[in-house]
C-alpha cells in the first residue's frame, strides 16, 4: 500500500516556503530546495504528516536527495519521529562519504552509528538514494540500494512524534527530488526496491560501453585517423579548427594571457550509419592529447542505459554514467529520445535535469557528446535553454555519397582479406548511385554497406564451397558480380 508519495510538482501538501538570512525553502524544478545559509552546527527542520506508520510491522521509506552546495564535512538527510526540534531521529550523510544514524531526546543525542565510511555515497555535490526499511523487529538502512546498517527497531523506532522531514547541519544546500513511503503490498516498481542488495545494485547503474584510447596515442595519430575517415570533409574541418583553437588557448594560458572559456560539449547530428560513434571517440582522444581531459575515454550509452523504471532511479543512473565518464566523454546516442514531445511526464526529463547540472558542474572534467537524427536533434537542442547554452558546437554529418559508399565497401574488403573484380565494381557503382538518389533520412549509409558486404561474402561462400580444394588464395578471396546478384538497383 502506498502511504505517502511526493514528487514536488505542485505544493498541494503545503510544504513550508521561506527565504531569509538563515534559510531558503522553495519548490523549484520539481524538487524541494532546502538551503541552510548559516555556517554552524545547527539545523533547520521542515516536515509534513501523513497516516501514522511507524508502528507497522513493515514499511519502506525511499527518498532521493541531491547535495547542491555547501560544506562536505557535515550532514544532511531524513528525519522521522519528529515531535519538535529537540526530539527526532535522523539518517544523514555527508559530502565526504560518511553517514550517521542518531536519536535526539530533549536535545541530547544518542548515536546508533556515528560517521561511518560508505563507499556507495556520491562524494561532494551529488545525488544519493536513501532508504529505511522496517521488517519485523529490525530496521535496514540503505544508501544507493546497498544495505549499510541493520538495527533493532525498538531502538530506532522509539519515536515521540508522528511527523517526518529533512534535516541539514551546518551550511549546506540540498534538493529533495522525491519521497515515497509504502508497505510491502505496494506496486511492483516499489517492491523491486526491497529485493536483496545484490539484485538491486544494477537497478541504479547505467548500462554503457566504454572505449579506451590507445596507450601510444599522439596528436599526430589522431589527426591521421581523422583524415583517414571516408567523407565528412566539413566535420573534419570543424574538428581541426577546434583543435587549433584549443592549442592557441593552451599556449595563451601558459603565457599568462587571457583565455576564452570554451565548452567541450558537442552535438553530432545526421542520418544513421555515418560514423557518429567513431567521431565521438576521436573527440575523446583529441581532448586528452590537448590536455583538456585526463583520460580521453568514451562512455557510450543511450536512453535505455540511463532511464530507470521509477522516479529517482533515473537520476542515479545518470549520475553513475557521469561518474564513469569523468576525465573523458559521455556519448549519448539518440539523445532526442530523452525529451519526447508526446509524453511531458517522461523520465527523460529527470535525466536531462541531472545531466545539465553535471555538464555545468563538471565542465572542466567532462565532455558530453549527444547524437542522433538531424530533425529530431534540432528539436531536442531547441527544447531546453540549458542544452542550447551548454552545447554551442553542432556538427552536422551528411549522408555518404555514392563514391564514398563504394570506398567503405572496399575498406570492408581490405580489412577482411577480400578483393573485388570488375563485375563487382560495376554492380556496386550502379547500386550505390541508385540508393543514394532515392535515399530517405533513415537510409543506413555505412550500416547498409556493412549488411551488403556480409551478404556478399555469404553468397560467395555458397558459390565456391564445393570447389575449395581447386581454388588458390586469390580465387577464394574474390567477390564477383555474381556474388552480388541478390541486389537490385533499389538495394536488396
Protein backbone atom coordinates (compact mmCIF):
# COMPACT_ATOMS: atom_id res chain seq x y z
CA UNK A 1 0.00 0.00 0.00
CA UNK A 2 1.23 3.45 -0.85
CA UNK A 3 1.18 5.61 2.30
CA UNK A 4 2.83 8.77 1.03
CA UNK A 5 4.18 9.92 -2.33
CA UNK A 6 5.70 13.32 -3.10
CA UNK A 7 7.45 14.45 -6.26
CA UNK A 8 7.16 18.20 -5.57
CA UNK A 9 5.47 19.07 -8.86
CA UNK A 10 2.89 21.20 -7.06
CA UNK A 11 2.78 22.33 -3.46
CA UNK A 12 -0.51 20.60 -2.74
CA UNK A 13 0.82 19.43 0.65
CA UNK A 14 1.74 22.99 1.60
CA UNK A 15 5.41 22.42 2.32
CA UNK A 16 6.95 25.38 4.11
CA UNK A 17 8.49 28.01 1.81
CA UNK A 18 10.60 30.92 3.00
CA UNK A 19 13.67 32.95 2.18
CA UNK A 20 15.55 34.89 4.84
CA UNK A 21 19.11 35.36 6.08
CA UNK A 22 19.14 31.93 7.72
CA UNK A 23 17.34 29.61 5.34
CA UNK A 24 15.63 29.31 1.98
CA UNK A 25 12.93 26.71 1.41
CA UNK A 26 11.33 26.60 -2.04
CA UNK A 27 9.75 24.29 -4.61
CA UNK A 28 11.66 24.65 -7.89
CA UNK A 29 12.30 22.38 -10.89
CA UNK A 30 10.07 19.61 -9.47
CA UNK A 31 12.10 19.34 -6.29
CA UNK A 32 12.19 20.83 -2.80
CA UNK A 33 15.15 23.17 -2.33
CA UNK A 34 16.47 23.32 1.23
CA UNK A 35 19.26 25.90 1.55
CA UNK A 36 20.63 26.39 5.05
CA UNK A 37 22.70 29.58 4.84
CA UNK A 38 24.12 29.73 8.36
CA UNK A 39 27.53 28.12 8.89
CA UNK A 40 27.23 26.47 12.28
CA UNK A 41 26.31 23.17 13.87
CA UNK A 42 22.63 23.97 13.84
CA UNK A 43 19.77 22.74 11.74
CA UNK A 44 16.51 23.65 10.16
CA UNK A 45 13.71 21.15 10.03
CA UNK A 46 10.68 21.14 7.81
CA UNK A 47 8.17 18.35 7.99
CA UNK A 48 4.80 17.04 6.97
CA UNK A 49 2.47 14.49 8.48
CA UNK A 50 0.67 11.52 6.99
CA UNK A 51 -1.09 8.40 8.21
CA UNK A 52 0.80 7.07 11.20
CA UNK A 53 3.01 4.20 10.03
CA UNK A 54 5.91 3.87 12.50
CA UNK A 55 4.12 1.11 14.44
CA UNK A 56 3.54 -1.04 11.33
CA UNK A 57 5.33 -4.35 11.18
CA UNK A 58 6.80 -3.46 7.80
CA UNK A 59 7.25 -0.24 5.85
CA UNK A 60 9.67 1.25 3.38
CA UNK A 61 10.86 4.87 3.11
CA UNK A 62 12.53 5.85 -0.16
CA UNK A 63 13.90 9.31 -0.98
CA UNK A 64 16.32 10.86 -3.46
CA UNK A 65 18.48 13.76 -2.24
CA UNK A 66 20.89 15.96 -4.13
CA UNK A 67 23.59 17.97 -2.38
CA UNK A 68 23.95 21.16 -4.45
CA UNK A 69 26.48 23.14 -2.44
CA UNK A 70 27.99 23.95 0.92
CA UNK A 71 30.36 22.08 3.19
CA UNK A 72 31.21 18.39 2.77
CA UNK A 73 32.20 17.83 6.39
CA UNK A 74 28.74 17.71 7.93
CA UNK A 75 25.42 16.07 7.31
CA UNK A 76 22.07 16.29 5.52
CA UNK A 77 19.29 13.78 5.18
CA UNK A 78 16.00 12.48 6.55
CA UNK A 79 14.36 12.90 9.96
CA UNK A 80 11.42 10.96 11.43
CA UNK A 81 9.58 10.64 14.74
CA UNK A 82 9.54 14.42 14.88
CA UNK A 83 7.96 15.97 17.93
CA UNK A 84 9.88 19.22 17.82
CA UNK A 85 13.39 20.45 17.02
CA UNK A 86 14.78 18.70 20.10
CA UNK A 87 13.11 15.30 19.66
CA UNK A 88 13.57 13.27 16.49
CA UNK A 89 15.68 10.61 14.74
CA UNK A 90 17.85 11.20 11.70
CA UNK A 91 19.61 9.27 8.92
CA UNK A 92 22.13 11.67 7.37
CA UNK A 93 25.19 11.52 5.16
CA UNK A 94 27.98 13.91 4.25
CA UNK A 95 29.72 15.04 1.11
CA UNK A 96 32.94 13.40 2.24
CA UNK A 97 31.40 9.91 2.21
CA UNK A 98 30.22 9.32 5.79
CA UNK A 99 26.80 8.57 7.28
CA UNK A 100 25.23 8.79 10.74
CA UNK A 101 22.09 7.45 12.44
CA UNK A 102 21.20 9.42 15.57
CA UNK A 103 18.37 9.89 18.05
CA UNK A 104 17.69 13.22 19.83
CA UNK A 105 15.67 13.30 23.05
CA UNK A 106 15.25 16.71 24.64
CA UNK A 107 18.25 17.82 22.61
CA UNK A 108 20.52 15.03 23.88
CA UNK A 109 21.92 12.86 21.09
CA UNK A 110 22.43 9.10 21.02
CA UNK A 111 24.46 7.89 18.05
CA UNK A 112 23.50 4.43 16.81
CA UNK A 113 26.06 4.89 14.03
CA UNK A 114 28.43 7.85 14.22
CA UNK A 115 30.07 8.98 10.95
CA UNK A 116 30.85 5.68 9.33
CA UNK A 117 32.56 5.49 5.94
CA UNK A 118 30.46 4.31 2.98
CA UNK A 119 31.94 3.77 -0.49
CA UNK A 120 28.49 3.97 -2.11
CA UNK A 121 27.96 7.64 -1.23
CA UNK A 122 28.39 10.06 -4.12
CA UNK A 123 31.07 12.46 -2.91
CA UNK A 124 30.78 16.24 -2.92
CA UNK A 125 27.78 17.63 -4.73
CA UNK A 126 25.88 14.58 -5.92
CA UNK A 127 22.66 12.60 -5.88
CA UNK A 128 22.09 9.83 -3.36
CA UNK A 129 19.22 7.44 -2.73
CA UNK A 130 18.39 6.81 0.95
CA UNK A 131 16.09 4.04 2.12
CA UNK A 132 14.79 2.95 5.53
CA UNK A 133 13.03 -0.39 5.62
CA UNK A 134 11.41 -1.88 8.69
CA UNK A 135 10.92 -5.65 8.64
CA UNK A 136 9.57 -7.07 11.86
CA UNK A 137 11.96 -6.41 14.74
CA UNK A 138 14.71 -4.84 12.63
CA UNK A 139 15.23 -1.74 10.54
CA UNK A 140 17.52 -1.80 7.50
CA UNK A 141 19.27 1.30 6.15
CA UNK A 142 20.31 1.52 2.50
CA UNK A 143 22.47 4.01 0.61
CA UNK A 144 22.18 3.85 -3.17
CA UNK A 145 20.46 0.45 -2.90
CA UNK A 146 23.24 -1.08 -0.81
CA UNK A 147 22.42 -2.28 2.71
CA UNK A 148 24.73 -0.42 5.12
CA UNK A 149 23.16 -1.00 8.55
CA UNK A 150 20.62 -3.18 10.37
CA UNK A 151 19.44 -2.02 13.83
CA UNK A 152 16.80 -3.25 16.30
CA UNK A 153 13.51 -1.50 15.64
CA UNK A 154 12.97 -0.96 19.37
CA UNK A 155 15.87 1.50 19.24
CA UNK A 156 15.40 3.42 16.01
CA UNK A 157 11.58 3.34 16.14
CA UNK A 158 11.35 4.56 19.73
CA UNK A 159 9.65 7.71 18.50
CA UNK A 160 7.91 10.60 20.21
CA UNK A 161 6.27 12.39 17.30
CA UNK A 162 4.38 11.35 14.19
CA UNK A 163 5.97 13.69 11.64
CA UNK A 164 8.92 13.37 9.29
CA UNK A 165 11.02 15.68 7.15
CA UNK A 166 14.53 16.73 6.24
CA UNK A 167 17.48 17.88 8.24
CA UNK A 168 20.63 19.89 7.49
CA UNK A 169 23.56 20.55 9.78
CA UNK A 170 25.87 23.45 9.01
CA UNK A 171 25.88 25.44 5.74
CA UNK A 172 24.54 23.05 3.08
CA UNK A 173 22.16 23.34 0.14
CA UNK A 174 20.21 20.28 -0.97
CA UNK A 175 17.31 19.32 -3.21
CA UNK A 176 14.79 16.61 -2.38
CA UNK A 177 13.68 15.02 -5.64
CA UNK A 178 11.08 12.64 -4.25
CA UNK A 179 9.86 10.85 -1.16
CA UNK A 180 7.86 7.59 -1.17
CA UNK A 181 6.60 5.68 1.86
CA UNK A 182 4.94 2.32 1.33
CA UNK A 183 4.12 -1.05 2.81
CA UNK A 184 5.00 -4.37 1.10
CA UNK A 185 1.83 -4.69 -0.96
CA UNK A 186 2.58 -1.56 -2.96
CA UNK A 187 3.03 -1.68 -6.74
CA UNK A 188 5.84 -3.71 -8.28
CA UNK A 189 8.09 -0.72 -9.01
CA UNK A 190 8.42 -0.15 -5.29
CA UNK A 191 8.61 -3.85 -4.46
CA UNK A 192 11.67 -4.05 -6.68
CA UNK A 193 13.40 -1.71 -4.25
CA UNK A 194 13.01 -4.25 -1.48
CA UNK A 195 14.95 -7.04 -3.13
CA UNK A 196 18.29 -8.24 -1.93
CA UNK A 197 21.02 -5.59 -2.32
CA UNK A 198 22.86 -7.84 -4.74
CA UNK A 199 19.86 -7.81 -7.05
CA UNK A 200 19.25 -4.09 -6.60
CA UNK A 201 22.70 -2.85 -7.42
CA UNK A 202 22.32 -3.00 -11.23
CA UNK A 203 18.98 -1.19 -10.99
CA UNK A 204 20.69 2.09 -10.15
CA UNK A 205 23.61 1.65 -12.52
CA UNK A 206 23.77 2.90 -16.06
CA UNK A 207 24.44 0.43 -18.84
CA UNK A 208 27.11 1.51 -21.27
CA UNK A 209 30.06 0.52 -23.42
CA UNK A 210 33.43 2.03 -22.54
CA UNK A 211 36.10 2.76 -25.14
CA UNK A 212 39.69 3.37 -24.06
CA UNK A 213 42.07 5.41 -26.27
CA UNK A 214 45.31 3.72 -27.44
CA UNK A 215 48.17 3.73 -24.94
CA UNK A 216 50.62 5.09 -27.50
CA UNK A 217 48.28 7.78 -28.80
CA UNK A 218 49.58 11.09 -30.13
CA UNK A 219 48.03 14.18 -31.67
CA UNK A 220 49.62 13.24 -34.99
CA UNK A 221 47.97 9.79 -34.91
CA UNK A 222 44.59 11.34 -34.15
CA UNK A 223 44.94 13.80 -37.00
CA UNK A 224 45.90 10.93 -39.28
CA UNK A 225 42.91 8.84 -38.19
CA UNK A 226 40.63 11.83 -38.68
CA UNK A 227 41.91 12.47 -42.18
CA UNK A 228 41.62 8.77 -42.99
CA UNK A 229 37.86 8.83 -42.38
CA UNK A 230 35.89 8.41 -45.58
CA UNK A 231 33.87 11.56 -46.33
CA UNK A 232 32.94 14.06 -43.60
CA UNK A 233 35.09 16.82 -45.04
CA UNK A 234 33.14 19.59 -43.28
CA UNK A 235 33.26 17.75 -39.95
CA UNK A 236 36.99 17.18 -40.32
CA UNK A 237 37.49 20.89 -40.96
CA UNK A 238 35.42 21.81 -37.90
CA UNK A 239 37.34 19.43 -35.65
CA UNK A 240 40.70 20.60 -36.95
CA UNK A 241 39.59 24.21 -36.37
CA UNK A 242 38.57 23.28 -32.82
CA UNK A 243 41.99 21.67 -32.34
CA UNK A 244 43.75 24.83 -33.46
CA UNK A 245 41.58 26.99 -31.20
CA UNK A 246 42.30 24.81 -28.15
CA UNK A 247 46.02 24.77 -28.95
CA UNK A 248 46.10 28.56 -29.01
CA UNK A 249 44.13 28.84 -25.76
CA UNK A 250 46.52 26.39 -24.09
CA UNK A 251 49.50 28.45 -25.23
CA UNK A 252 47.88 31.69 -24.02
CA UNK A 253 47.22 30.13 -20.63
CA UNK A 254 50.84 29.02 -20.33
CA UNK A 255 51.95 32.58 -21.12
CA UNK A 256 49.62 34.09 -18.54
CA UNK A 257 47.39 35.71 -21.16
CA UNK A 258 43.62 35.96 -21.02
CA UNK A 259 41.89 32.85 -22.36
CA UNK A 260 38.41 32.38 -23.77
CA UNK A 261 36.48 29.78 -21.79
CA UNK A 262 35.07 27.20 -24.16
CA UNK A 263 32.62 24.35 -23.78
CA UNK A 264 33.86 20.88 -24.66
CA UNK A 265 30.31 19.62 -25.22
CA UNK A 266 29.25 18.76 -28.78
CA UNK A 267 26.21 17.71 -30.75
CA UNK A 268 26.60 15.32 -33.71
CA UNK A 269 23.50 15.13 -35.86
CA UNK A 270 22.71 13.49 -39.13
CA UNK A 271 21.45 10.25 -40.69
CA UNK A 272 22.23 6.81 -39.24
CA UNK A 273 25.36 4.85 -40.11
CA UNK A 274 27.57 7.88 -40.68
CA UNK A 275 30.18 7.23 -38.01
CA UNK A 276 29.00 9.44 -35.15
CA UNK A 277 30.35 6.98 -32.57
CA UNK A 278 33.73 6.89 -34.34
CA UNK A 279 33.89 10.69 -34.32
CA UNK A 280 32.98 10.83 -30.61
CA UNK A 281 35.89 8.50 -29.87
CA UNK A 282 38.24 10.72 -31.87
CA UNK A 283 36.99 13.72 -29.89
CA UNK A 284 37.85 11.98 -26.60
CA UNK A 285 41.35 11.18 -27.84
CA UNK A 286 41.75 14.73 -29.11
CA UNK A 287 40.76 16.36 -25.82
CA UNK A 288 43.16 14.12 -23.93
CA UNK A 289 46.14 14.89 -26.15
CA UNK A 290 45.40 18.62 -25.93
CA UNK A 291 45.36 18.39 -22.14
CA UNK A 292 41.68 19.21 -21.61
CA UNK A 293 40.64 15.75 -20.38
CA UNK A 294 42.72 13.43 -18.23
CA UNK A 295 41.77 10.05 -19.71
CA UNK A 296 40.01 10.67 -23.01
CA UNK A 297 37.91 7.52 -22.74
CA UNK A 298 34.35 7.40 -24.06
CA UNK A 299 31.37 6.06 -22.11
CA UNK A 300 28.73 5.21 -24.74
CA UNK A 301 25.09 4.95 -23.69
CA UNK A 302 21.56 5.78 -24.80
CA UNK A 303 18.09 6.24 -23.37
CA UNK A 304 17.76 2.60 -22.32
CA UNK A 305 21.07 2.82 -20.48
CA UNK A 306 20.18 5.76 -18.24
CA UNK A 307 16.38 5.76 -17.86
CA UNK A 308 15.10 3.90 -14.83
CA UNK A 309 11.77 2.36 -14.04
CA UNK A 310 10.80 4.75 -11.25
CA UNK A 311 11.45 8.37 -10.35
CA UNK A 312 14.79 8.64 -8.59
CA UNK A 313 16.33 5.62 -10.28
CA UNK A 314 16.93 7.61 -13.44
CA UNK A 315 18.80 10.33 -11.57
CA UNK A 316 21.10 7.73 -10.04
CA UNK A 317 21.74 6.08 -13.40
CA UNK A 318 22.69 9.40 -14.99
CA UNK A 319 24.92 10.18 -12.04
CA UNK A 320 26.57 6.79 -12.41
CA UNK A 321 27.18 7.36 -16.13
CA UNK A 322 28.67 10.79 -15.42
CA UNK A 323 30.97 9.38 -12.74
CA UNK A 324 32.17 6.70 -15.15
CA UNK A 325 32.83 9.31 -17.82
CA UNK A 326 34.76 11.83 -15.69
CA UNK A 327 38.06 12.59 -17.36
CA UNK A 328 36.58 11.66 -20.73
CA UNK A 329 33.47 11.79 -22.91
CA UNK A 330 29.90 10.79 -22.13
CA UNK A 331 28.39 9.88 -25.51
CA UNK A 332 24.59 9.66 -25.59
CA UNK A 333 23.23 8.24 -28.83
CA UNK A 334 19.70 9.09 -29.96
CA UNK A 335 19.68 11.74 -27.23
CA UNK A 336 16.46 13.27 -28.57
CA UNK A 337 14.57 10.36 -27.01
CA UNK A 338 15.24 11.96 -23.60
CA UNK A 339 12.75 14.73 -24.48
CA UNK A 340 9.83 13.17 -26.36
CA UNK A 341 7.14 15.62 -27.47
CA UNK A 342 4.13 13.50 -26.60
CA UNK A 343 4.98 12.45 -23.02
CA UNK A 344 5.51 15.50 -20.78
CA UNK A 345 5.98 13.38 -17.63
CA UNK A 346 8.56 11.09 -19.21
CA UNK A 347 11.52 10.10 -17.01
CA UNK A 348 13.81 11.54 -19.68
CA UNK A 349 13.23 14.99 -18.20
CA UNK A 350 14.64 13.75 -14.92
CA UNK A 351 17.70 12.54 -16.80
CA UNK A 352 18.11 15.91 -18.52
CA UNK A 353 17.87 17.82 -15.23
CA UNK A 354 20.73 15.86 -13.73
CA UNK A 355 22.75 15.84 -16.95
CA UNK A 356 22.53 19.62 -17.41
CA UNK A 357 23.74 20.24 -13.89
CA UNK A 358 26.68 17.86 -14.32
CA UNK A 359 27.56 19.42 -17.68
CA UNK A 360 28.00 22.69 -15.83
CA UNK A 361 29.49 21.46 -12.54
CA UNK A 362 31.96 19.06 -14.20
CA UNK A 363 32.72 21.06 -17.34
CA UNK A 364 36.45 21.01 -16.57
CA UNK A 365 36.45 17.21 -16.32
CA UNK A 366 33.74 16.03 -18.71
CA UNK A 367 32.67 16.42 -22.33
CA UNK A 368 29.12 15.39 -23.21
CA UNK A 369 28.53 14.46 -26.85
CA UNK A 370 24.89 14.00 -27.82
CA UNK A 371 23.98 12.44 -31.16
CA UNK A 372 21.01 11.50 -33.27
CA UNK A 373 18.96 12.10 -36.41
CA UNK A 374 19.05 15.64 -37.80
CA UNK A 375 15.43 16.77 -37.45
CA UNK A 376 14.97 15.22 -34.03
CA UNK A 377 18.24 16.64 -32.66
CA UNK A 378 17.41 20.13 -33.91
CA UNK A 379 14.14 19.98 -31.95
CA UNK A 380 15.98 18.50 -28.99
CA UNK A 381 18.54 21.31 -28.73
CA UNK A 382 15.79 23.92 -29.05
CA UNK A 383 13.57 22.23 -26.45
CA UNK A 384 15.69 23.22 -23.47
CA UNK A 385 17.52 26.56 -22.98
CA UNK A 386 20.03 24.80 -20.75
CA UNK A 387 21.04 22.48 -23.56
CA UNK A 388 21.38 25.32 -26.03
CA UNK A 389 23.60 27.33 -23.69
CA UNK A 390 25.90 24.41 -22.87
CA UNK A 391 26.23 22.86 -26.33
CA UNK A 392 27.37 25.52 -28.77
CA UNK A 393 29.19 23.31 -31.28
CA UNK A 394 26.82 21.50 -33.61
CA UNK A 395 28.45 19.19 -36.15
CA UNK A 396 26.22 18.03 -38.99
CA UNK A 397 27.25 14.72 -40.57
CA UNK A 398 25.77 14.20 -44.02
CA UNK A 399 24.90 11.06 -45.99
CA UNK A 400 27.81 9.31 -47.70
CA UNK A 401 27.96 9.96 -51.43
CA UNK A 402 27.98 7.00 -53.89
CA UNK A 403 31.77 7.01 -54.32
CA UNK A 404 32.18 7.15 -50.54
CA UNK A 405 29.82 4.19 -50.08
CA UNK A 406 31.95 2.27 -52.59
CA UNK A 407 35.10 3.24 -50.68
CA UNK A 408 33.55 1.92 -47.47
CA UNK A 409 32.74 -1.39 -49.17
CA UNK A 410 36.33 -1.61 -50.44
CA UNK A 411 37.60 -0.94 -46.92
CA UNK A 412 35.48 -3.80 -45.57
CA UNK A 413 37.09 -6.00 -48.22
CA UNK A 414 40.64 -4.92 -47.35
CA UNK A 415 40.08 -5.24 -43.61
CA UNK A 416 38.72 -8.78 -44.03
CA UNK A 417 41.09 -10.08 -46.72
CA UNK A 418 38.76 -9.91 -49.74
CA UNK A 419 39.05 -8.25 -53.18
CA UNK A 420 36.65 -7.17 -55.92
CA UNK A 421 36.70 -7.94 -59.61
CA UNK A 422 35.48 -5.56 -62.31
CA UNK A 423 32.00 -7.08 -62.49
CA UNK A 424 31.52 -6.46 -58.76
CA UNK A 425 32.67 -2.86 -59.14
CA UNK A 426 30.08 -2.28 -61.88
CA UNK A 427 27.25 -3.73 -59.79
CA UNK A 428 28.24 -1.73 -56.69
CA UNK A 429 28.58 1.57 -58.58
CA UNK A 430 25.08 1.12 -60.01
CA UNK A 431 23.55 0.11 -56.65
CA UNK A 432 25.17 2.91 -54.63
CA UNK A 433 24.19 5.56 -57.20
CA UNK A 434 20.59 4.32 -57.06
CA UNK A 435 20.21 4.09 -53.28
CA UNK A 436 21.83 7.50 -52.83
CA UNK A 437 19.45 9.12 -55.27
CA UNK A 438 16.41 7.50 -53.59
CA UNK A 439 17.67 7.83 -50.01
CA UNK A 440 15.41 8.92 -47.16
CA UNK A 441 16.51 10.39 -43.84
CA UNK A 442 16.60 6.84 -42.44
CA UNK A 443 18.95 5.44 -45.09
CA UNK A 444 21.55 3.35 -43.25
CA UNK A 445 24.71 4.59 -45.01
CA UNK A 446 27.62 2.63 -43.51
CA UNK A 447 25.25 0.13 -41.92
CA UNK A 448 23.72 -0.53 -45.32
CA UNK A 449 27.19 -1.12 -46.77
CA UNK A 450 28.14 -3.49 -43.94
CA UNK A 451 25.00 -5.54 -44.47
CA UNK A 452 25.67 -5.63 -48.20
CA UNK A 453 29.23 -6.84 -47.63
CA UNK A 454 28.16 -9.54 -45.17
CA UNK A 455 25.52 -10.87 -47.57
CA UNK A 456 28.01 -10.76 -50.46
CA UNK A 457 30.60 -12.92 -48.68
CA UNK A 458 27.86 -15.32 -47.63
CA UNK A 459 26.78 -15.59 -51.28
CA UNK A 460 30.41 -16.01 -52.34
CA UNK A 461 30.79 -18.87 -49.87
CA UNK A 462 27.80 -20.63 -51.38
CA UNK A 463 29.35 -20.23 -54.84
CA UNK A 464 32.80 -21.66 -54.04
CA UNK A 465 32.21 -24.11 -51.21
CA UNK A 466 32.20 -27.23 -53.43
CA UNK A 467 35.45 -26.39 -55.21
CA UNK A 468 37.61 -25.12 -52.33
CA UNK A 469 40.43 -27.60 -52.95
CA UNK A 470 40.85 -26.37 -56.53
CA UNK A 471 41.00 -22.64 -55.68
CA UNK A 472 44.10 -20.63 -54.84
CA UNK A 473 44.10 -17.86 -52.19
CA UNK A 474 43.24 -15.18 -54.74
CA UNK A 475 40.17 -17.01 -56.02
CA UNK A 476 38.93 -17.91 -52.55
CA UNK A 477 39.08 -14.23 -51.60
CA UNK A 478 37.48 -12.75 -54.72
CA UNK A 479 33.99 -11.18 -54.75
CA UNK A 480 32.41 -11.08 -58.19
CA UNK A 481 29.27 -9.58 -59.67
CA UNK A 482 27.65 -13.00 -59.31
CA UNK A 483 28.06 -12.75 -55.54
CA UNK A 484 26.00 -9.54 -55.65
CA UNK A 485 23.18 -10.99 -57.73
CA UNK A 486 20.77 -10.73 -54.79
CA UNK A 487 20.98 -6.89 -55.03
CA UNK A 488 18.71 -4.85 -57.27
CA UNK A 489 19.08 -1.16 -58.03
CA UNK A 490 16.96 -0.25 -55.01
CA UNK A 491 19.09 -2.17 -52.53
CA UNK A 492 18.09 -5.71 -51.53
